[in-house]
Amino acid sequence: MQKLTSKQRAFYDSLVAFFRKHLRLPTHREAAELNDFKSANSSVQYHRALVEKEYLKKDGPENYTFTSPADVWPGNKETGSTIPVLGEITAGAMREAIESDLGELTFQQLFPNAENIFALRVNGMSMKELDITDGDFVLLSKTELNNGDVGAVLYDNETTLKRVYKNKNKLHLKPANPEYDEIVIKPGESEEVRILGKYVGHMNKQGIFKSPY
């Protein structure tokens, strides 16, 4: 990454602060208001500079994502956002509450292999029964996918998030919503499949949810 100017850094920090509150990046109009710009065109220019310096990626007319999403996730130590541990609570018989400073929880502790994790924004409702819905950010780990795991799959230049099963050289991509059909990739075609990552959790306006599997 190239070094940002002071004004570019201030603009980038405003995007990070907005994302941490709303779990999405602001529109150009919202970014202009955040930074007291007279017009949204100034936001366009700053976004363009951040893309050129590889702080943002552009994947649509007004759709941008962070190139290093781990830097802005809640619990990242560098952003100063941690969860304080204020004491202990019994899960047995009731006893006197004792407050003490037991440190902090970070994103690294919630996801020990955080350096291998990246995020994709979900478009669609095929994983609804896993509480993964349209607009959520799914967290994926660059680790091996076991039979039955949920993962992001790239096939024929198209991507999908499904539970993946291998059966006699076939791949079965099963949704978690009965309104969607299973996708079956036949022998030969499966050689063209690329597993992008294993589902380890997701984020939305309610918070961070870690996969129980």
N, C-alpha and C. Protein backbone atom coordinates (compact mmCIF):
# COMPACT_ATOMS: atom_id res chain seq x y z
N MET A 1 0.83 -1.20 0.00
CA MET A 1 0.00 0.00 0.00
C MET A 1 0.86 1.25 0.00
N GLN A 2 0.44 2.25 -0.77
CA GLN A 2 1.14 3.52 -0.76
C GLN A 2 0.69 4.36 0.44
N LYS A 3 1.55 5.25 0.87
CA LYS A 3 1.23 6.08 2.03
C LYS A 3 0.16 7.09 1.68
N LEU A 4 -0.79 7.28 2.59
CA LEU A 4 -1.85 8.25 2.39
C LEU A 4 -1.43 9.64 2.83
N THR A 5 -1.96 10.66 2.18
CA THR A 5 -1.77 12.01 2.67
C THR A 5 -2.60 12.19 3.94
N SER A 6 -2.39 13.25 4.66
CA SER A 6 -3.14 13.47 5.90
C SER A 6 -4.64 13.60 5.63
N LYS A 7 -5.00 14.24 4.52
CA LYS A 7 -6.42 14.38 4.19
C LYS A 7 -7.01 13.04 3.77
N GLN A 8 -6.25 12.27 3.02
CA GLN A 8 -6.72 10.94 2.62
C GLN A 8 -6.88 10.03 3.82
N ARG A 9 -5.95 10.12 4.78
CA ARG A 9 -6.04 9.32 5.99
C ARG A 9 -7.28 9.69 6.80
N ALA A 10 -7.56 10.99 6.90
CA ALA A 10 -8.74 11.44 7.64
C ALA A 10 -10.01 10.93 6.96
N PHE A 11 -10.03 10.96 5.63
CA PHE A 11 -11.19 10.46 4.90
C PHE A 11 -11.35 8.95 5.10
N TYR A 12 -10.23 8.21 5.00
CA TYR A 12 -10.26 6.76 5.20
C TYR A 12 -10.76 6.43 6.61
N ASP A 13 -10.27 7.16 7.60
CA ASP A 13 -10.70 6.91 8.98
C ASP A 13 -12.19 7.16 9.15
N SER A 14 -12.74 8.12 8.41
CA SER A 14 -14.18 8.38 8.49
C SER A 14 -14.97 7.21 7.91
N LEU A 15 -14.42 6.57 6.87
CA LEU A 15 -15.08 5.39 6.30
C LEU A 15 -15.06 4.23 7.29
N VAL A 16 -13.92 4.05 7.95
CA VAL A 16 -13.78 2.98 8.94
C VAL A 16 -14.77 3.18 10.09
N ALA A 17 -14.84 4.42 10.60
CA ALA A 17 -15.75 4.71 11.71
C ALA A 17 -17.20 4.46 11.32
N PHE A 18 -17.56 4.85 10.10
CA PHE A 18 -18.93 4.62 9.62
C PHE A 18 -19.21 3.13 9.49
N PHE A 19 -18.24 2.39 8.94
CA PHE A 19 -18.42 0.95 8.76
C PHE A 19 -18.60 0.24 10.10
N ARG A 20 -17.82 0.61 11.08
CA ARG A 20 -17.89 -0.05 12.38
C ARG A 20 -19.24 0.20 13.06
N LYS A 21 -19.90 1.30 12.69
CA LYS A 21 -21.21 1.61 13.28
C LYS A 21 -22.34 0.99 12.49
N HIS A 22 -22.23 0.97 11.15
CA HIS A 22 -23.34 0.55 10.30
C HIS A 22 -23.09 -0.76 9.56
N LEU A 23 -21.87 -1.29 9.64
CA LEU A 23 -21.48 -2.51 8.95
C LEU A 23 -21.67 -2.41 7.43
N ARG A 24 -21.45 -1.23 6.92
CA ARG A 24 -21.41 -0.98 5.48
C ARG A 24 -20.65 0.31 5.25
N LEU A 25 -20.16 0.48 4.05
CA LEU A 25 -19.50 1.73 3.71
C LEU A 25 -20.54 2.79 3.35
N PRO A 26 -20.25 4.06 3.60
CA PRO A 26 -21.21 5.10 3.27
C PRO A 26 -21.33 5.34 1.77
N THR A 27 -22.44 5.89 1.35
CA THR A 27 -22.57 6.34 -0.03
C THR A 27 -21.70 7.57 -0.21
N HIS A 28 -21.52 8.00 -1.46
CA HIS A 28 -20.73 9.21 -1.69
C HIS A 28 -21.36 10.42 -1.01
N ARG A 29 -22.67 10.47 -1.02
CA ARG A 29 -23.34 11.60 -0.36
C ARG A 29 -23.11 11.56 1.15
N GLU A 30 -23.21 10.37 1.74
CA GLU A 30 -22.99 10.25 3.19
C GLU A 30 -21.54 10.56 3.54
N ALA A 31 -20.61 10.09 2.71
CA ALA A 31 -19.19 10.36 2.95
C ALA A 31 -18.89 11.84 2.86
N ALA A 32 -19.56 12.52 1.92
CA ALA A 32 -19.37 13.96 1.78
C ALA A 32 -19.86 14.69 3.03
N GLU A 33 -21.00 14.26 3.55
CA GLU A 33 -21.53 14.88 4.77
C GLU A 33 -20.63 14.61 5.96
N LEU A 34 -20.08 13.40 6.05
CA LEU A 34 -19.19 13.07 7.16
C LEU A 34 -17.95 13.95 7.17
N ASN A 35 -17.50 14.33 5.99
CA ASN A 35 -16.25 15.09 5.88
C ASN A 35 -16.45 16.55 5.53
N ASP A 36 -17.71 17.02 5.63
CA ASP A 36 -18.04 18.43 5.36
C ASP A 36 -17.64 18.87 3.96
N PHE A 37 -17.77 17.96 2.98
CA PHE A 37 -17.51 18.33 1.60
C PHE A 37 -18.72 19.06 1.04
N LYS A 38 -18.49 19.94 0.08
CA LYS A 38 -19.58 20.68 -0.53
C LYS A 38 -20.38 19.83 -1.51
N SER A 39 -19.73 18.83 -2.10
CA SER A 39 -20.42 17.97 -3.06
C SER A 39 -19.94 16.54 -2.94
N ALA A 40 -20.78 15.61 -3.43
CA ALA A 40 -20.42 14.19 -3.40
C ALA A 40 -19.27 13.89 -4.33
N ASN A 41 -18.99 14.79 -5.29
CA ASN A 41 -17.90 14.56 -6.23
C ASN A 41 -16.55 14.48 -5.51
N SER A 42 -16.42 15.22 -4.42
CA SER A 42 -15.17 15.16 -3.64
C SER A 42 -14.97 13.77 -3.06
N SER A 43 -16.08 13.14 -2.63
CA SER A 43 -16.00 11.77 -2.12
C SER A 43 -15.57 10.83 -3.22
N VAL A 44 -16.07 11.03 -4.43
CA VAL A 44 -15.68 10.19 -5.57
C VAL A 44 -14.18 10.27 -5.78
N GLN A 45 -13.62 11.47 -5.72
CA GLN A 45 -12.18 11.65 -5.94
C GLN A 45 -11.36 10.97 -4.85
N TYR A 46 -11.81 11.08 -3.60
CA TYR A 46 -11.08 10.44 -2.50
C TYR A 46 -11.17 8.92 -2.61
N HIS A 47 -12.35 8.41 -2.97
CA HIS A 47 -12.49 6.97 -3.16
C HIS A 47 -11.54 6.48 -4.26
N ARG A 48 -11.45 7.25 -5.33
CA ARG A 48 -10.58 6.87 -6.44
C ARG A 48 -9.12 6.80 -5.97
N ALA A 49 -8.71 7.76 -5.13
CA ALA A 49 -7.35 7.76 -4.61
C ALA A 49 -7.09 6.57 -3.70
N LEU A 50 -8.09 6.21 -2.89
CA LEU A 50 -7.94 5.07 -1.99
C LEU A 50 -7.88 3.75 -2.75
N VAL A 51 -8.58 3.68 -3.88
CA VAL A 51 -8.51 2.50 -4.73
C VAL A 51 -7.12 2.41 -5.36
N GLU A 52 -6.62 3.53 -5.86
CA GLU A 52 -5.30 3.56 -6.49
C GLU A 52 -4.20 3.17 -5.50
N LYS A 53 -4.37 3.55 -4.24
CA LYS A 53 -3.37 3.23 -3.22
C LYS A 53 -3.68 1.92 -2.51
N GLU A 54 -4.69 1.19 -3.00
CA GLU A 54 -5.01 -0.17 -2.58
C GLU A 54 -5.55 -0.26 -1.15
N TYR A 55 -6.24 0.80 -0.70
CA TYR A 55 -6.93 0.74 0.59
C TYR A 55 -8.38 0.29 0.41
N LEU A 56 -8.91 0.51 -0.79
CA LEU A 56 -10.26 0.08 -1.13
C LEU A 56 -10.23 -0.68 -2.45
N LYS A 57 -11.25 -1.53 -2.63
CA LYS A 57 -11.47 -2.20 -3.91
C LYS A 57 -12.83 -1.77 -4.43
N LYS A 58 -12.94 -1.53 -5.72
CA LYS A 58 -14.20 -1.14 -6.32
C LYS A 58 -14.79 -2.34 -7.04
N ASP A 59 -16.00 -2.74 -6.66
CA ASP A 59 -16.64 -3.87 -7.32
C ASP A 59 -18.04 -3.52 -7.81
N GLY A 60 -18.26 -2.24 -8.09
CA GLY A 60 -19.52 -1.78 -8.64
C GLY A 60 -19.48 -0.28 -8.82
N PRO A 61 -20.49 0.30 -9.48
CA PRO A 61 -20.50 1.74 -9.72
C PRO A 61 -20.28 2.57 -8.46
N GLU A 62 -20.95 2.20 -7.36
CA GLU A 62 -20.75 2.90 -6.09
C GLU A 62 -20.51 1.90 -4.98
N ASN A 63 -20.00 0.73 -5.32
CA ASN A 63 -19.81 -0.31 -4.33
C ASN A 63 -18.32 -0.54 -4.09
N TYR A 64 -17.88 -0.27 -2.88
CA TYR A 64 -16.48 -0.43 -2.51
C TYR A 64 -16.36 -1.37 -1.32
N THR A 65 -15.22 -2.03 -1.19
CA THR A 65 -14.92 -2.86 -0.03
C THR A 65 -13.50 -2.57 0.41
N PHE A 66 -13.19 -2.87 1.67
CA PHE A 66 -11.84 -2.68 2.18
C PHE A 66 -10.93 -3.79 1.65
N THR A 67 -9.71 -3.44 1.28
CA THR A 67 -8.76 -4.46 0.84
C THR A 67 -8.24 -5.26 2.03
N SER A 68 -8.28 -4.69 3.23
CA SER A 68 -7.85 -5.39 4.45
C SER A 68 -8.98 -5.33 5.46
N PRO A 69 -10.04 -6.14 5.27
CA PRO A 69 -11.20 -6.05 6.16
C PRO A 69 -10.89 -6.33 7.62
N ALA A 70 -9.85 -7.12 7.89
CA ALA A 70 -9.52 -7.41 9.29
C ALA A 70 -9.14 -6.15 10.06
N ASP A 71 -8.68 -5.11 9.35
CA ASP A 71 -8.29 -3.87 10.00
C ASP A 71 -9.48 -3.11 10.56
N VAL A 72 -10.68 -3.39 10.06
CA VAL A 72 -11.84 -2.62 10.50
C VAL A 72 -12.85 -3.45 11.26
N TRP A 73 -12.63 -4.75 11.40
CA TRP A 73 -13.56 -5.58 12.14
C TRP A 73 -13.53 -5.22 13.62
N PRO A 74 -14.68 -5.33 14.30
CA PRO A 74 -14.69 -5.12 15.75
C PRO A 74 -13.73 -6.09 16.43
N GLY A 75 -13.02 -5.58 17.44
CA GLY A 75 -12.09 -6.42 18.18
C GLY A 75 -10.68 -6.34 17.68
N ASN A 76 -10.43 -5.63 16.58
CA ASN A 76 -9.07 -5.47 16.11
C ASN A 76 -8.33 -4.54 17.05
N LYS A 77 -7.20 -4.99 17.57
CA LYS A 77 -6.48 -4.24 18.60
C LYS A 77 -6.03 -2.88 18.13
N GLU A 78 -5.60 -2.81 16.85
CA GLU A 78 -5.06 -1.56 16.34
C GLU A 78 -6.12 -0.47 16.27
N THR A 79 -7.38 -0.83 16.11
CA THR A 79 -8.43 0.18 16.03
C THR A 79 -8.87 0.61 17.43
N GLY A 80 -8.36 -0.04 18.47
CA GLY A 80 -8.72 0.32 19.83
C GLY A 80 -10.06 -0.24 20.25
N SER A 81 -10.63 -1.12 19.48
CA SER A 81 -11.93 -1.69 19.81
C SER A 81 -11.75 -3.09 20.35
N THR A 82 -11.92 -3.25 21.65
CA THR A 82 -11.82 -4.55 22.30
C THR A 82 -12.99 -4.70 23.27
N ILE A 83 -13.17 -5.90 23.76
CA ILE A 83 -14.25 -6.17 24.70
C ILE A 83 -13.64 -6.37 26.08
N PRO A 84 -13.92 -5.48 27.04
CA PRO A 84 -13.31 -5.63 28.37
C PRO A 84 -13.89 -6.81 29.13
N VAL A 85 -13.03 -7.55 29.83
CA VAL A 85 -13.47 -8.63 30.71
C VAL A 85 -13.48 -8.05 32.13
N LEU A 86 -14.68 -7.87 32.69
CA LEU A 86 -14.83 -7.12 33.94
C LEU A 86 -14.90 -7.99 35.18
N GLY A 87 -14.79 -9.30 35.04
CA GLY A 87 -14.84 -10.16 36.21
C GLY A 87 -15.32 -11.54 35.85
N GLU A 88 -15.83 -12.27 36.85
CA GLU A 88 -16.30 -13.62 36.64
C GLU A 88 -17.77 -13.74 37.04
N ILE A 89 -18.46 -14.72 36.45
CA ILE A 89 -19.83 -15.02 36.84
C ILE A 89 -19.97 -16.53 36.94
N THR A 90 -20.59 -17.00 37.98
CA THR A 90 -20.73 -18.43 38.18
C THR A 90 -21.83 -19.00 37.30
N ALA A 91 -21.62 -20.21 36.86
CA ALA A 91 -22.64 -20.92 36.10
C ALA A 91 -23.22 -22.04 36.95
N GLY A 92 -22.94 -21.99 38.26
CA GLY A 92 -23.47 -22.97 39.19
C GLY A 92 -24.34 -22.27 40.22
N ALA A 93 -24.08 -22.55 41.49
CA ALA A 93 -24.83 -21.89 42.55
C ALA A 93 -24.48 -20.41 42.57
N MET A 94 -25.44 -19.57 42.98
CA MET A 94 -25.21 -18.13 43.00
C MET A 94 -24.18 -17.78 44.06
N ARG A 95 -23.37 -16.76 43.77
CA ARG A 95 -22.39 -16.30 44.74
C ARG A 95 -22.18 -14.82 44.53
N GLU A 96 -21.47 -14.19 45.45
CA GLU A 96 -21.23 -12.76 45.39
C GLU A 96 -20.47 -12.38 44.11
N ALA A 97 -20.94 -11.31 43.48
CA ALA A 97 -20.26 -10.81 42.28
C ALA A 97 -18.96 -10.15 42.67
N ILE A 98 -17.90 -10.48 41.96
CA ILE A 98 -16.59 -9.89 42.21
C ILE A 98 -16.09 -9.26 40.92
N GLU A 99 -15.92 -7.95 40.95
CA GLU A 99 -15.43 -7.25 39.78
C GLU A 99 -13.91 -7.22 39.79
N SER A 100 -13.31 -7.42 38.64
CA SER A 100 -11.86 -7.33 38.51
C SER A 100 -11.52 -7.15 37.04
N ASP A 101 -10.37 -6.58 36.81
CA ASP A 101 -9.92 -6.36 35.43
C ASP A 101 -9.18 -7.60 34.95
N LEU A 102 -9.82 -8.36 34.07
CA LEU A 102 -9.22 -9.59 33.56
C LEU A 102 -8.73 -9.43 32.12
N GLY A 103 -8.57 -8.18 31.72
CA GLY A 103 -8.03 -7.93 30.38
C GLY A 103 -9.12 -7.67 29.36
N GLU A 104 -8.83 -8.00 28.10
CA GLU A 104 -9.74 -7.71 27.01
C GLU A 104 -9.80 -8.88 26.02
N LEU A 105 -10.93 -8.99 25.35
CA LEU A 105 -11.06 -9.96 24.26
C LEU A 105 -10.89 -9.21 22.94
N THR A 106 -10.18 -9.82 22.02
CA THR A 106 -9.96 -9.21 20.71
C THR A 106 -10.50 -10.13 19.62
N PHE A 107 -10.54 -9.59 18.41
CA PHE A 107 -10.98 -10.40 17.28
C PHE A 107 -10.06 -11.60 17.08
N GLN A 108 -8.77 -11.42 17.38
CA GLN A 108 -7.80 -12.51 17.23
C GLN A 108 -8.15 -13.67 18.15
N GLN A 109 -8.69 -13.36 19.34
CA GLN A 109 -9.06 -14.43 20.27
C GLN A 109 -10.35 -15.11 19.83
N LEU A 110 -11.27 -14.36 19.24
CA LEU A 110 -12.52 -14.95 18.76
C LEU A 110 -12.25 -15.86 17.56
N PHE A 111 -11.31 -15.45 16.71
CA PHE A 111 -10.93 -16.21 15.53
C PHE A 111 -9.41 -16.35 15.52
N PRO A 112 -8.87 -17.42 16.16
CA PRO A 112 -7.42 -17.58 16.32
C PRO A 112 -6.63 -17.52 15.02
N ASN A 113 -7.24 -17.92 13.90
CA ASN A 113 -6.54 -17.88 12.62
C ASN A 113 -6.98 -16.66 11.81
N ALA A 114 -7.07 -15.52 12.49
CA ALA A 114 -7.61 -14.31 11.85
C ALA A 114 -6.81 -13.88 10.63
N GLU A 115 -5.52 -14.21 10.60
CA GLU A 115 -4.70 -13.80 9.45
C GLU A 115 -5.13 -14.51 8.17
N ASN A 116 -5.88 -15.61 8.30
CA ASN A 116 -6.35 -16.36 7.13
C ASN A 116 -7.81 -16.06 6.79
N ILE A 117 -8.40 -15.09 7.48
CA ILE A 117 -9.82 -14.80 7.30
C ILE A 117 -10.03 -13.58 6.42
N PHE A 118 -11.03 -13.69 5.54
CA PHE A 118 -11.45 -12.54 4.75
C PHE A 118 -12.98 -12.52 4.74
N ALA A 119 -13.54 -11.44 4.24
CA ALA A 119 -15.00 -11.27 4.27
C ALA A 119 -15.56 -11.06 2.87
N LEU A 120 -16.78 -11.54 2.66
CA LEU A 120 -17.53 -11.28 1.45
C LEU A 120 -18.94 -10.85 1.86
N ARG A 121 -19.51 -9.92 1.12
CA ARG A 121 -20.87 -9.50 1.42
C ARG A 121 -21.85 -10.45 0.74
N VAL A 122 -22.87 -10.86 1.48
CA VAL A 122 -23.83 -11.85 0.99
C VAL A 122 -24.90 -11.16 0.15
N ASN A 123 -25.20 -11.77 -0.99
CA ASN A 123 -26.26 -11.28 -1.86
C ASN A 123 -27.24 -12.43 -2.10
N GLY A 124 -28.36 -12.42 -1.41
CA GLY A 124 -29.33 -13.50 -1.54
C GLY A 124 -29.71 -14.12 -0.21
N MET A 125 -30.65 -15.06 -0.24
CA MET A 125 -31.21 -15.63 0.98
C MET A 125 -31.11 -17.15 1.03
N SER A 126 -30.22 -17.75 0.24
CA SER A 126 -30.18 -19.21 0.17
C SER A 126 -29.65 -19.86 1.44
N MET A 127 -29.03 -19.09 2.34
CA MET A 127 -28.51 -19.65 3.59
C MET A 127 -29.29 -19.12 4.80
N LYS A 128 -30.53 -18.80 4.56
CA LYS A 128 -31.39 -18.18 5.58
C LYS A 128 -31.49 -18.99 6.86
N GLU A 129 -31.57 -20.33 6.75
CA GLU A 129 -31.76 -21.17 7.94
C GLU A 129 -30.51 -21.21 8.83
N LEU A 130 -29.40 -20.69 8.33
CA LEU A 130 -28.20 -20.54 9.16
C LEU A 130 -28.09 -19.10 9.67
N ASP A 131 -29.19 -18.35 9.51
CA ASP A 131 -29.24 -16.94 9.91
C ASP A 131 -28.26 -16.07 9.12
N ILE A 132 -27.88 -16.53 7.93
CA ILE A 132 -27.05 -15.73 7.04
C ILE A 132 -27.98 -15.16 5.98
N THR A 133 -28.16 -13.85 5.99
CA THR A 133 -29.16 -13.24 5.11
C THR A 133 -28.53 -12.15 4.24
N ASP A 134 -29.32 -11.69 3.30
CA ASP A 134 -28.87 -10.69 2.33
C ASP A 134 -28.29 -9.46 3.03
N GLY A 135 -27.09 -9.06 2.62
CA GLY A 135 -26.44 -7.88 3.19
C GLY A 135 -25.47 -8.19 4.31
N ASP A 136 -25.52 -9.40 4.87
CA ASP A 136 -24.55 -9.79 5.90
C ASP A 136 -23.15 -9.88 5.31
N PHE A 137 -22.15 -9.80 6.17
CA PHE A 137 -20.78 -10.05 5.76
C PHE A 137 -20.38 -11.43 6.28
N VAL A 138 -20.13 -12.36 5.36
CA VAL A 138 -19.74 -13.70 5.76
C VAL A 138 -18.23 -13.74 5.91
N LEU A 139 -17.77 -14.37 6.99
CA LEU A 139 -16.34 -14.49 7.28
C LEU A 139 -15.87 -15.86 6.83
N LEU A 140 -14.83 -15.88 6.02
CA LEU A 140 -14.33 -17.11 5.42
C LEU A 140 -12.86 -17.31 5.73
N SER A 141 -12.49 -18.55 6.01
CA SER A 141 -11.11 -18.88 6.31
C SER A 141 -10.49 -19.65 5.15
N LYS A 142 -9.27 -19.32 4.84
CA LYS A 142 -8.55 -20.00 3.76
C LYS A 142 -8.00 -21.33 4.27
N THR A 143 -8.91 -22.21 4.66
CA THR A 143 -8.53 -23.53 5.17
C THR A 143 -9.29 -24.60 4.41
N GLU A 144 -8.89 -25.85 4.61
CA GLU A 144 -9.50 -26.96 3.89
C GLU A 144 -10.96 -27.12 4.27
N LEU A 145 -11.77 -27.47 3.27
CA LEU A 145 -13.20 -27.65 3.47
C LEU A 145 -13.50 -29.14 3.63
N ASN A 146 -14.07 -29.53 4.77
CA ASN A 146 -14.45 -30.92 4.98
C ASN A 146 -15.85 -31.17 4.42
N ASN A 147 -16.18 -32.43 4.20
CA ASN A 147 -17.48 -32.79 3.66
C ASN A 147 -18.60 -32.29 4.57
N GLY A 148 -19.50 -31.51 4.02
CA GLY A 148 -20.61 -30.98 4.80
C GLY A 148 -20.39 -29.59 5.34
N ASP A 149 -19.17 -29.05 5.18
CA ASP A 149 -18.89 -27.69 5.64
C ASP A 149 -19.55 -26.67 4.72
N VAL A 150 -19.82 -25.51 5.26
CA VAL A 150 -20.31 -24.39 4.45
C VAL A 150 -19.11 -23.63 3.91
N GLY A 151 -19.15 -23.35 2.62
CA GLY A 151 -18.03 -22.64 2.03
C GLY A 151 -18.42 -21.81 0.83
N ALA A 152 -17.52 -20.95 0.42
CA ALA A 152 -17.70 -20.14 -0.77
C ALA A 152 -17.05 -20.87 -1.94
N VAL A 153 -17.81 -21.02 -3.01
CA VAL A 153 -17.36 -21.81 -4.16
C VAL A 153 -17.35 -20.94 -5.41
N LEU A 154 -16.28 -21.07 -6.19
CA LEU A 154 -16.19 -20.40 -7.49
C LEU A 154 -16.27 -21.46 -8.58
N TYR A 155 -17.25 -21.31 -9.48
CA TYR A 155 -17.41 -22.27 -10.57
C TYR A 155 -17.91 -21.54 -11.80
N ASP A 156 -17.20 -21.73 -12.90
CA ASP A 156 -17.59 -21.12 -14.17
C ASP A 156 -17.74 -19.60 -14.02
N ASN A 157 -16.78 -19.00 -13.29
CA ASN A 157 -16.74 -17.55 -13.06
C ASN A 157 -17.92 -17.03 -12.24
N GLU A 158 -18.62 -17.93 -11.55
CA GLU A 158 -19.71 -17.52 -10.68
C GLU A 158 -19.45 -18.05 -9.27
N THR A 159 -19.92 -17.31 -8.28
CA THR A 159 -19.68 -17.72 -6.90
C THR A 159 -20.99 -18.01 -6.19
N THR A 160 -20.90 -18.83 -5.15
CA THR A 160 -22.07 -19.11 -4.32
C THR A 160 -21.60 -19.57 -2.94
N LEU A 161 -22.44 -19.34 -1.95
CA LEU A 161 -22.19 -19.80 -0.59
C LEU A 161 -23.16 -20.93 -0.29
N LYS A 162 -22.63 -22.14 -0.07
CA LYS A 162 -23.49 -23.30 0.13
C LYS A 162 -22.78 -24.31 1.06
N ARG A 163 -23.56 -25.28 1.54
CA ARG A 163 -22.96 -26.42 2.23
C ARG A 163 -22.49 -27.40 1.16
N VAL A 164 -21.22 -27.83 1.26
CA VAL A 164 -20.59 -28.59 0.18
C VAL A 164 -20.45 -30.06 0.57
N TYR A 165 -20.97 -30.95 -0.31
CA TYR A 165 -20.85 -32.39 -0.11
C TYR A 165 -20.18 -33.00 -1.34
N LYS A 166 -19.27 -33.95 -1.10
CA LYS A 166 -18.63 -34.68 -2.19
C LYS A 166 -19.21 -36.10 -2.22
N ASN A 167 -19.66 -36.53 -3.41
CA ASN A 167 -20.28 -37.84 -3.55
C ASN A 167 -19.96 -38.42 -4.92
N LYS A 168 -19.08 -39.45 -4.95
CA LYS A 168 -18.70 -40.11 -6.20
C LYS A 168 -18.26 -39.11 -7.26
N ASN A 169 -17.32 -38.28 -6.88
CA ASN A 169 -16.74 -37.26 -7.76
C ASN A 169 -17.67 -36.10 -8.08
N LYS A 170 -18.92 -36.20 -7.64
CA LYS A 170 -19.85 -35.09 -7.82
C LYS A 170 -19.76 -34.14 -6.62
N LEU A 171 -20.03 -32.90 -6.87
CA LEU A 171 -20.14 -31.93 -5.79
C LEU A 171 -21.61 -31.53 -5.67
N HIS A 172 -22.14 -31.62 -4.46
CA HIS A 172 -23.49 -31.18 -4.19
C HIS A 172 -23.42 -29.91 -3.35
N LEU A 173 -23.93 -28.83 -3.89
CA LEU A 173 -23.94 -27.55 -3.19
C LEU A 173 -25.35 -27.31 -2.68
N LYS A 174 -25.53 -27.51 -1.37
CA LYS A 174 -26.88 -27.50 -0.79
C LYS A 174 -27.17 -26.18 -0.07
N PRO A 175 -28.30 -25.57 -0.40
CA PRO A 175 -28.70 -24.33 0.29
C PRO A 175 -29.28 -24.63 1.66
N ALA A 176 -29.42 -23.60 2.46
CA ALA A 176 -30.10 -23.73 3.75
C ALA A 176 -31.39 -22.94 3.70
N ASN A 177 -32.13 -23.18 2.63
CA ASN A 177 -33.41 -22.52 2.42
C ASN A 177 -34.17 -23.36 1.39
N PRO A 178 -35.31 -23.93 1.75
CA PRO A 178 -36.04 -24.83 0.83
C PRO A 178 -36.52 -24.14 -0.44
N GLU A 179 -36.49 -22.82 -0.49
CA GLU A 179 -36.94 -22.11 -1.68
C GLU A 179 -35.88 -22.13 -2.79
N TYR A 180 -34.68 -22.60 -2.45
CA TYR A 180 -33.58 -22.63 -3.42
C TYR A 180 -33.24 -24.08 -3.77
N ASP A 181 -32.82 -24.29 -5.01
CA ASP A 181 -32.48 -25.63 -5.48
C ASP A 181 -31.02 -25.97 -5.18
N GLU A 182 -30.78 -27.27 -4.98
CA GLU A 182 -29.42 -27.76 -4.84
C GLU A 182 -28.70 -27.67 -6.19
N ILE A 183 -27.41 -27.38 -6.15
CA ILE A 183 -26.59 -27.32 -7.35
C ILE A 183 -25.71 -28.56 -7.38
N VAL A 184 -25.75 -29.29 -8.48
CA VAL A 184 -24.93 -30.50 -8.62
C VAL A 184 -23.91 -30.27 -9.72
N ILE A 185 -22.64 -30.45 -9.39
CA ILE A 185 -21.56 -30.31 -10.36
C ILE A 185 -21.02 -31.70 -10.66
N LYS A 186 -21.06 -32.10 -11.91
CA LYS A 186 -20.75 -33.46 -12.33
C LYS A 186 -19.25 -33.70 -12.47
N PRO A 187 -18.83 -34.99 -12.53
CA PRO A 187 -17.42 -35.31 -12.73
C PRO A 187 -16.88 -34.60 -13.98
N GLY A 188 -15.66 -34.17 -13.91
CA GLY A 188 -15.09 -33.40 -15.01
C GLY A 188 -15.30 -31.93 -14.79
N GLU A 189 -16.56 -31.55 -14.55
CA GLU A 189 -16.86 -30.16 -14.25
C GLU A 189 -16.29 -29.76 -12.89
N SER A 190 -16.23 -30.75 -11.98
CA SER A 190 -15.75 -30.45 -10.62
C SER A 190 -14.29 -30.04 -10.61
N GLU A 191 -13.57 -30.38 -11.68
CA GLU A 191 -12.17 -29.99 -11.76
C GLU A 191 -12.02 -28.47 -11.93
N GLU A 192 -13.10 -27.84 -12.38
CA GLU A 192 -13.08 -26.40 -12.60
C GLU A 192 -13.50 -25.63 -11.35
N VAL A 193 -13.88 -26.35 -10.30
CA VAL A 193 -14.36 -25.70 -9.08
C VAL A 193 -13.19 -25.24 -8.22
N ARG A 194 -13.34 -24.07 -7.65
CA ARG A 194 -12.34 -23.55 -6.71
C ARG A 194 -13.04 -23.20 -5.41
N ILE A 195 -12.53 -23.74 -4.30
CA ILE A 195 -13.07 -23.41 -2.99
C ILE A 195 -12.38 -22.14 -2.51
N LEU A 196 -13.16 -21.08 -2.32
CA LEU A 196 -12.58 -19.80 -1.92
C LEU A 196 -12.29 -19.74 -0.42
N GLY A 197 -13.13 -20.39 0.37
CA GLY A 197 -12.93 -20.34 1.81
C GLY A 197 -14.02 -21.05 2.57
N LYS A 198 -13.71 -21.41 3.80
CA LYS A 198 -14.64 -22.09 4.69
C LYS A 198 -15.35 -21.08 5.58
N TYR A 199 -16.66 -21.23 5.71
CA TYR A 199 -17.45 -20.33 6.56
C TYR A 199 -17.06 -20.50 8.03
N VAL A 200 -16.69 -19.40 8.68
CA VAL A 200 -16.35 -19.45 10.11
C VAL A 200 -17.21 -18.50 10.94
N GLY A 201 -18.01 -17.68 10.27
CA GLY A 201 -18.87 -16.76 11.00
C GLY A 201 -19.42 -15.70 10.06
N HIS A 202 -20.23 -14.82 10.62
CA HIS A 202 -20.72 -13.71 9.82
C HIS A 202 -21.02 -12.51 10.70
N MET A 203 -21.15 -11.36 10.05
CA MET A 203 -21.41 -10.10 10.74
C MET A 203 -22.63 -9.44 10.15
N ASN A 204 -23.42 -8.80 11.01
CA ASN A 204 -24.51 -7.94 10.55
C ASN A 204 -24.75 -6.87 11.62
N LYS A 205 -25.85 -6.16 11.52
CA LYS A 205 -26.09 -5.06 12.46
C LYS A 205 -26.27 -5.54 13.89
N GLN A 206 -26.56 -6.84 14.07
CA GLN A 206 -26.72 -7.39 15.42
C GLN A 206 -25.38 -7.78 16.06
N GLY A 207 -24.32 -7.86 15.26
CA GLY A 207 -23.01 -8.18 15.81
C GLY A 207 -22.27 -9.25 15.02
N ILE A 208 -21.32 -9.90 15.69
CA ILE A 208 -20.50 -10.96 15.08
C ILE A 208 -21.01 -12.31 15.56
N PHE A 209 -21.17 -13.25 14.64
CA PHE A 209 -21.65 -14.58 14.96
C PHE A 209 -20.64 -15.61 14.47
N LYS A 210 -20.12 -16.40 15.38
CA LYS A 210 -19.14 -17.41 15.04
C LYS A 210 -19.82 -18.71 14.72
N SER A 211 -19.32 -19.41 13.69
CA SER A 211 -19.91 -20.68 13.29
C SER A 211 -19.81 -21.70 14.43
N PRO A 212 -20.90 -22.43 14.72
CA PRO A 212 -20.85 -23.47 15.76
C PRO A 212 -20.24 -24.76 15.26
N TYR A 213 -19.94 -24.83 13.96
CA TYR A 213 -19.48 -26.09 13.37
C TYR A 213 -17.96 -26.14 13.33
